């Protein structure tokens, strides 16, 4: 083994140990010295298989890679969360929020917790209620093996949640929770949603109000406006600018059995009077007329890939309690 290779492995091992002993103090720290690639990363939670997979999500989903596979525990009750207190883990597409230090929480949450934005805009439209749905650790790792133990949260072995926290960036990383992971990110759905999204923003760019509005559900609402009032409003906006430029980039599409999400960065410039930069989130649902927009959100945030290291994930996966449990289970078969 050459000197350069030995040094690289030493740095890698040092970083992994530092992660595991530092806990939340290391959260969101740069890993540029170890990063070899840069990509959008998301977490896929399968409630039936009791596993969470951390994956890359490039613009071409067929090139996605699995980085880690972790064992989880979920809500005490089965099914999709509907109301506060039903002890069910929600199913949908969410963003992680700011980490909460476990020192400020009851012991059952382990070293720290990462909230998700349940109920999101789509959930509220479905009249779902509840709050405090987190990804978190446990007071004792044995709780994970009990499977259905939380009040709706997704629980991890403590070493695993510490590892994950360095990659689940606040308001950036998506978490897809599903009853059956074979029903998410179906290639045909992804292609259809990607095509519909491109048609939507091309109609916006060309100010074709009829084609633009055709992409929305008939019950779509925007700030109290129904679809007809929204059409009139957007038509006025389209015609209020002599020069209107809209640029989109970094489009990513995710499909779920319940709905789909398209996320992209958006730059808008209307004459010299108005400009905005941020990300657009479109919630799509499938109907007899194809995929239609049920809800949309604009936020003054950017949706960006993040650096990561395959070598680091290989080490974290090897040392994970989830890997050790799987190996033990296989040996007993």
Protein backbone atom coordinates (compact mmCIF):
# COMPACT_ATOMS: atom_id res chain seq x y z
CA UNK A 1 0.00 0.00 0.00
CA UNK A 2 1.43 3.39 -1.04
CA UNK A 3 1.99 6.32 1.32
CA UNK A 4 -0.81 8.36 -0.32
CA UNK A 5 -3.33 5.53 0.09
CA UNK A 6 -2.34 4.95 3.74
CA UNK A 7 -2.74 8.68 4.45
CA UNK A 8 -6.19 8.78 2.77
CA UNK A 9 -7.40 5.84 4.86
CA UNK A 10 -6.03 7.42 8.03
CA UNK A 11 -7.95 10.64 7.29
CA UNK A 12 -11.10 8.65 6.55
CA UNK A 13 -10.90 6.61 9.76
CA UNK A 14 -10.15 9.73 11.82
CA UNK A 15 -13.18 11.49 10.38
CA UNK A 16 -15.49 8.54 11.08
CA UNK A 17 -14.35 8.34 14.71
CA UNK A 18 -14.76 12.10 15.01
CA UNK A 19 -18.33 11.83 13.69
CA UNK A 20 -19.28 9.16 16.18
CA UNK A 21 -17.86 10.90 19.24
CA UNK A 22 -18.88 14.44 18.32
CA UNK A 23 -22.58 13.85 17.66
CA UNK A 24 -24.64 16.96 16.89
CA UNK A 25 -21.66 19.30 17.28
CA UNK A 26 -20.45 18.05 13.91
CA UNK A 27 -23.82 18.49 12.23
CA UNK A 28 -23.67 20.29 8.88
CA UNK A 29 -19.88 20.66 9.03
CA UNK A 30 -18.14 20.64 5.61
CA UNK A 31 -16.64 17.38 4.40
CA UNK A 32 -14.86 18.82 1.36
CA UNK A 33 -11.55 17.20 2.27
CA UNK A 34 -13.14 13.77 1.85
CA UNK A 35 -15.76 14.51 -0.79
CA UNK A 36 -15.19 12.96 -4.19
CA UNK A 37 -18.60 13.68 -5.73
CA UNK A 38 -21.49 16.11 -5.48
CA UNK A 39 -25.16 15.23 -5.87
CA UNK A 40 -28.68 15.63 -4.47
CA UNK A 41 -29.18 13.16 -1.60
CA UNK A 42 -32.50 11.92 -0.20
CA UNK A 43 -33.74 9.41 2.38
CA UNK A 44 -36.25 6.70 1.41
CA UNK A 45 -38.15 5.15 4.34
CA UNK A 46 -39.95 1.82 3.76
CA UNK A 47 -42.40 1.17 6.60
CA UNK A 48 -43.11 -2.44 5.61
CA UNK A 49 -39.48 -3.51 5.35
CA UNK A 50 -38.49 -1.30 8.32
CA UNK A 51 -35.53 0.12 6.43
CA UNK A 52 -34.34 3.61 5.48
CA UNK A 53 -32.07 4.02 2.47
CA UNK A 54 -29.91 7.08 1.87
CA UNK A 55 -29.57 7.56 -1.89
CA UNK A 56 -28.23 9.97 -4.45
CA UNK A 57 -30.72 11.45 -6.91
CA UNK A 58 -29.07 12.77 -10.08
CA UNK A 59 -30.96 14.41 -12.94
CA UNK A 60 -31.09 10.96 -14.55
CA UNK A 61 -32.59 8.73 -11.82
CA UNK A 62 -31.23 5.59 -13.48
CA UNK A 63 -27.78 6.71 -12.26
CA UNK A 64 -28.88 6.88 -8.60
CA UNK A 65 -26.68 5.18 -6.00
CA UNK A 66 -27.52 3.72 -2.61
CA UNK A 67 -25.19 5.08 0.06
CA UNK A 68 -26.53 3.47 3.25
CA UNK A 69 -29.28 1.06 4.33
CA UNK A 70 -30.42 1.43 7.93
CA UNK A 71 -32.85 -0.44 10.15
CA UNK A 72 -35.66 1.64 11.69
CA UNK A 73 -38.60 1.56 14.06
CA UNK A 74 -41.89 3.36 13.31
CA UNK A 75 -45.27 4.23 14.79
CA UNK A 76 -47.19 1.92 17.12
CA UNK A 77 -50.22 1.94 14.78
CA UNK A 78 -50.24 0.82 11.15
CA UNK A 79 -51.28 2.99 8.21
CA UNK A 80 -50.80 6.56 7.03
CA UNK A 81 -51.08 9.28 9.67
CA UNK A 82 -54.40 11.13 9.51
CA UNK A 83 -54.92 12.96 12.80
CA UNK A 84 -52.96 14.09 15.82
CA UNK A 85 -52.42 11.30 18.33
CA UNK A 86 -53.15 8.32 16.06
CA UNK A 87 -49.58 6.97 16.57
CA UNK A 88 -49.15 6.41 12.81
CA UNK A 89 -46.08 7.33 10.78
CA UNK A 90 -47.05 9.62 7.88
CA UNK A 91 -46.53 8.69 4.24
CA UNK A 92 -45.42 11.35 1.77
CA UNK A 93 -42.55 13.57 0.65
CA UNK A 94 -41.03 15.90 3.21
CA UNK A 95 -38.09 18.20 3.91
CA UNK A 96 -35.85 17.82 6.94
CA UNK A 97 -35.78 20.76 9.35
CA UNK A 98 -33.25 22.10 11.88
CA UNK A 99 -31.67 19.52 14.18
CA UNK A 100 -32.73 19.44 17.86
CA UNK A 101 -30.03 18.58 20.40
CA UNK A 102 -31.03 15.53 22.44
CA UNK A 103 -29.81 17.25 25.62
CA UNK A 104 -32.96 19.38 25.45
CA UNK A 105 -35.26 16.37 24.89
CA UNK A 106 -36.48 13.36 26.89
CA UNK A 107 -34.04 10.42 26.84
CA UNK A 108 -36.26 8.39 24.48
CA UNK A 109 -35.14 10.57 21.54
CA UNK A 110 -31.48 9.65 21.88
CA UNK A 111 -28.61 12.03 20.97
CA UNK A 112 -30.78 14.30 18.83
CA UNK A 113 -33.78 14.57 16.51
CA UNK A 114 -34.33 15.85 12.99
CA UNK A 115 -37.90 17.11 12.40
CA UNK A 116 -39.65 16.81 9.04
CA UNK A 117 -42.26 19.27 7.77
CA UNK A 118 -45.35 17.18 8.45
CA UNK A 119 -48.02 18.23 7.75
CA UNK A 120 -46.76 19.70 4.48
CA UNK A 121 -48.85 21.75 2.04
CA UNK A 122 -50.33 18.64 0.45
CA UNK A 123 -51.18 17.06 3.83
CA UNK A 124 -52.99 20.20 4.99
CA UNK A 125 -55.05 20.16 1.81
CA UNK A 126 -56.03 16.59 2.75
CA UNK A 127 -56.97 17.90 6.24
CA UNK A 128 -54.33 15.83 8.01
CA UNK A 129 -53.34 17.01 11.47
CA UNK A 130 -50.50 16.43 13.91
CA UNK A 131 -47.03 17.72 14.62
CA UNK A 132 -43.62 16.69 15.98
CA UNK A 133 -42.80 13.97 13.44
CA UNK A 134 -39.06 13.45 13.78
CA UNK A 135 -36.21 11.22 12.72
CA UNK A 136 -34.47 10.46 16.01
CA UNK A 137 -32.37 8.11 18.10
CA UNK A 138 -33.45 6.05 21.11
CA UNK A 139 -32.61 5.78 24.79
CA UNK A 140 -31.60 2.13 24.19
CA UNK A 141 -30.79 0.58 20.82
CA UNK A 142 -32.90 -2.47 21.68
CA UNK A 143 -36.02 -0.35 21.05
CA UNK A 144 -35.31 -0.44 17.30
CA UNK A 145 -35.75 -4.21 17.28
CA UNK A 146 -39.27 -3.82 18.68
CA UNK A 147 -40.26 -2.23 15.32
CA UNK A 148 -43.54 -0.46 16.19
CA UNK A 149 -42.64 1.67 19.19
CA UNK A 150 -42.93 5.39 18.36
CA UNK A 151 -45.80 7.86 18.38
CA UNK A 152 -45.39 8.37 14.63
CA UNK A 153 -41.69 9.23 14.36
CA UNK A 154 -39.00 7.21 12.57
CA UNK A 155 -36.39 5.96 15.04
CA UNK A 156 -32.82 4.82 14.31
CA UNK A 157 -29.97 3.21 16.16
CA UNK A 158 -28.05 6.05 17.83
CA UNK A 159 -24.87 5.53 15.80
CA UNK A 160 -26.97 5.59 12.61
CA UNK A 161 -28.79 8.83 13.41
CA UNK A 162 -25.43 10.43 14.23
CA UNK A 163 -24.11 9.33 10.84
CA UNK A 164 -27.25 10.47 9.03
CA UNK A 165 -27.35 13.91 10.60
CA UNK A 166 -24.26 15.00 8.71
CA UNK A 167 -26.09 14.47 5.41
CA UNK A 168 -29.68 15.53 6.14
CA UNK A 169 -29.42 19.27 5.62
CA UNK A 170 -32.14 21.55 7.10
CA UNK A 171 -34.85 22.45 4.56
CA UNK A 172 -32.81 20.84 1.77
CA UNK A 173 -32.88 17.06 2.06
CA UNK A 174 -36.03 15.19 1.05
CA UNK A 175 -37.40 12.31 3.11
CA UNK A 176 -39.82 10.00 1.28
CA UNK A 177 -41.87 7.81 3.62
CA UNK A 178 -43.83 4.99 2.04
CA UNK A 179 -45.62 1.80 2.96
CA UNK A 180 -43.99 0.06 -0.03
CA UNK A 181 -40.86 1.44 -1.67
CA UNK A 182 -41.63 -0.39 -4.93
CA UNK A 183 -44.43 2.16 -5.46
CA UNK A 184 -42.15 5.22 -5.42
CA UNK A 185 -40.03 6.74 -8.17
CA UNK A 186 -41.60 4.55 -10.84
CA UNK A 187 -39.68 5.36 -14.07
CA UNK A 188 -42.82 5.94 -16.16
CA UNK A 189 -44.21 8.37 -13.58
CA UNK A 190 -40.91 10.22 -13.27
CA UNK A 191 -40.72 10.70 -17.02
CA UNK A 192 -44.35 11.86 -17.24
CA UNK A 193 -43.91 14.37 -14.40
CA UNK A 194 -40.62 15.66 -15.81
CA UNK A 195 -42.30 16.20 -19.19
CA UNK A 196 -45.32 17.92 -17.62
CA UNK A 197 -43.05 20.17 -15.54
CA UNK A 198 -41.08 21.24 -18.60
CA UNK A 199 -44.31 21.95 -20.49
CA UNK A 200 -45.51 24.02 -17.52
CA UNK A 201 -42.47 26.28 -17.39
CA UNK A 202 -42.24 26.53 -21.18
CA UNK A 203 -45.84 27.80 -21.21
CA UNK A 204 -44.89 30.30 -18.48
CA UNK A 205 -41.82 31.45 -20.40
CA UNK A 206 -43.85 31.92 -23.60
CA UNK A 207 -46.81 33.48 -21.70
CA UNK A 208 -49.28 30.94 -23.11
CA UNK A 209 -51.88 31.37 -20.39
CA UNK A 210 -54.18 28.58 -21.64
CA UNK A 211 -51.43 25.95 -21.75
CA UNK A 212 -50.08 27.19 -18.43
CA UNK A 213 -53.40 26.94 -16.56
CA UNK A 214 -54.12 23.55 -18.16
CA UNK A 215 -51.38 22.09 -15.97
CA UNK A 216 -53.34 22.85 -12.78
CA UNK A 217 -56.12 20.90 -11.09
CA UNK A 218 -59.56 22.47 -11.32
CA UNK A 219 -59.69 22.75 -7.50
CA UNK A 220 -56.27 24.46 -7.31
CA UNK A 221 -56.18 27.52 -5.09
CA UNK A 222 -53.62 30.27 -4.64
CA UNK A 223 -53.94 32.76 -1.78
CA UNK A 224 -57.70 32.34 -1.72
CA UNK A 225 -58.08 32.49 -5.51
CA UNK A 226 -59.83 29.63 -7.29
CA UNK A 227 -58.52 28.42 -10.65
CA UNK A 228 -60.47 31.00 -12.70
CA UNK A 229 -59.36 33.90 -10.51
CA UNK A 230 -55.80 32.55 -10.59
CA UNK A 231 -55.90 32.44 -14.39
CA UNK A 232 -57.04 36.07 -14.55
CA UNK A 233 -54.35 37.06 -12.05
CA UNK A 234 -51.54 35.30 -13.96
CA UNK A 235 -52.78 36.73 -17.26
CA UNK A 236 -52.48 40.24 -15.80
CA UNK A 237 -48.96 39.44 -14.58
CA UNK A 238 -47.93 38.02 -17.96
CA UNK A 239 -49.11 41.18 -19.69
CA UNK A 240 -47.67 43.62 -17.16
CA UNK A 241 -44.08 43.16 -18.32
CA UNK A 242 -42.59 44.14 -21.64
CA UNK A 243 -39.66 41.80 -20.98
CA UNK A 244 -40.08 38.78 -18.77
CA UNK A 245 -37.30 36.22 -18.28
CA UNK A 246 -37.67 32.99 -16.32
CA UNK A 247 -34.84 30.51 -15.93
CA UNK A 248 -35.07 27.08 -14.31
CA UNK A 249 -32.24 24.78 -13.26
CA UNK A 250 -31.40 21.70 -11.20
CA UNK A 251 -34.79 20.02 -11.76
CA UNK A 252 -35.41 16.90 -9.69
CA UNK A 253 -38.58 14.81 -9.70
CA UNK A 254 -39.79 12.38 -7.02
CA UNK A 255 -42.91 10.22 -7.29
CA UNK A 256 -44.90 8.63 -4.48
CA UNK A 257 -48.00 6.44 -4.52
CA UNK A 258 -49.98 9.43 -3.19
CA UNK A 259 -48.50 12.32 -5.19
CA UNK A 260 -45.31 13.56 -6.83
CA UNK A 261 -43.01 16.52 -6.34
CA UNK A 262 -40.93 18.50 -8.83
CA UNK A 263 -38.28 20.80 -7.36
CA UNK A 264 -36.16 23.29 -9.27
CA UNK A 265 -34.33 26.58 -8.88
CA UNK A 266 -36.16 29.54 -10.40
CA UNK A 267 -34.80 32.95 -11.45
CA UNK A 268 -37.43 35.52 -12.48
CA UNK A 269 -36.83 38.95 -13.99
CA UNK A 270 -39.66 41.27 -15.06
CA UNK A 271 -38.36 44.39 -16.83
CA UNK A 272 -36.31 46.36 -14.30
CA UNK A 273 -39.16 46.38 -11.78
CA UNK A 274 -39.12 42.97 -10.17
CA UNK A 275 -36.77 40.02 -9.73
CA UNK A 276 -36.69 36.95 -7.51
CA UNK A 277 -34.46 33.94 -6.98
CA UNK A 278 -35.33 30.78 -5.11
CA UNK A 279 -36.78 27.32 -5.55
CA UNK A 280 -40.14 26.23 -6.87
CA UNK A 281 -41.86 23.13 -5.50
CA UNK A 282 -44.75 21.67 -7.49
CA UNK A 283 -47.02 19.02 -5.96
CA UNK A 284 -48.47 16.88 -8.76
CA UNK A 285 -51.34 14.39 -8.61
CA UNK A 286 -52.50 11.97 -11.29
CA UNK A 287 -55.98 12.22 -12.77
CA UNK A 288 -57.80 10.93 -15.85
CA UNK A 289 -56.32 13.90 -17.72
CA UNK A 290 -52.76 13.08 -16.67
CA UNK A 291 -50.59 14.74 -14.02
CA UNK A 292 -51.87 18.07 -12.70
CA UNK A 293 -50.51 20.58 -10.17
CA UNK A 294 -52.36 20.39 -6.85
CA UNK A 295 -50.20 22.90 -4.97
CA UNK A 296 -47.13 25.03 -5.57
CA UNK A 297 -44.65 26.74 -3.27
CA UNK A 298 -41.94 29.32 -3.91
CA UNK A 299 -39.22 29.76 -1.29
CA UNK A 300 -36.20 32.04 -1.19
CA UNK A 301 -33.90 29.04 -0.88
CA UNK A 302 -31.82 27.23 -3.45
CA UNK A 303 -32.02 23.49 -4.12
CA UNK A 304 -28.43 22.34 -4.50
CA UNK A 305 -26.40 19.12 -4.67
CA UNK A 306 -24.08 18.42 -1.76
CA UNK A 307 -20.57 16.92 -1.56
CA UNK A 308 -20.22 13.34 -0.37
CA UNK A 309 -17.66 10.56 -0.16
CA UNK A 310 -18.32 6.98 -1.25
CA UNK A 311 -15.37 5.83 0.87
CA UNK A 312 -16.85 7.44 3.97
CA UNK A 313 -20.27 5.87 3.39
CA UNK A 314 -18.67 2.47 2.86
CA UNK A 315 -16.96 2.80 6.25
CA UNK A 316 -20.09 4.10 8.00
CA UNK A 317 -22.18 1.28 6.51
CA UNK A 318 -19.69 -1.37 7.58
CA UNK A 319 -19.63 -0.11 11.18
CA UNK A 320 -23.37 0.57 11.41
CA UNK A 321 -25.45 -1.34 14.01
CA UNK A 322 -27.88 -1.98 11.13
CA UNK A 323 -25.21 -3.90 9.22
CA UNK A 324 -24.27 -5.92 12.29
CA UNK A 325 -27.93 -6.81 12.92
CA UNK A 326 -28.38 -7.92 9.31
CA UNK A 327 -25.26 -10.07 9.42
CA UNK A 328 -26.41 -11.68 12.69
CA UNK A 329 -29.86 -12.37 11.27
CA UNK A 330 -28.41 -14.01 8.15
CA UNK A 331 -26.12 -16.22 10.23
CA UNK A 332 -29.14 -17.58 12.11
CA UNK A 333 -31.03 -18.56 8.98
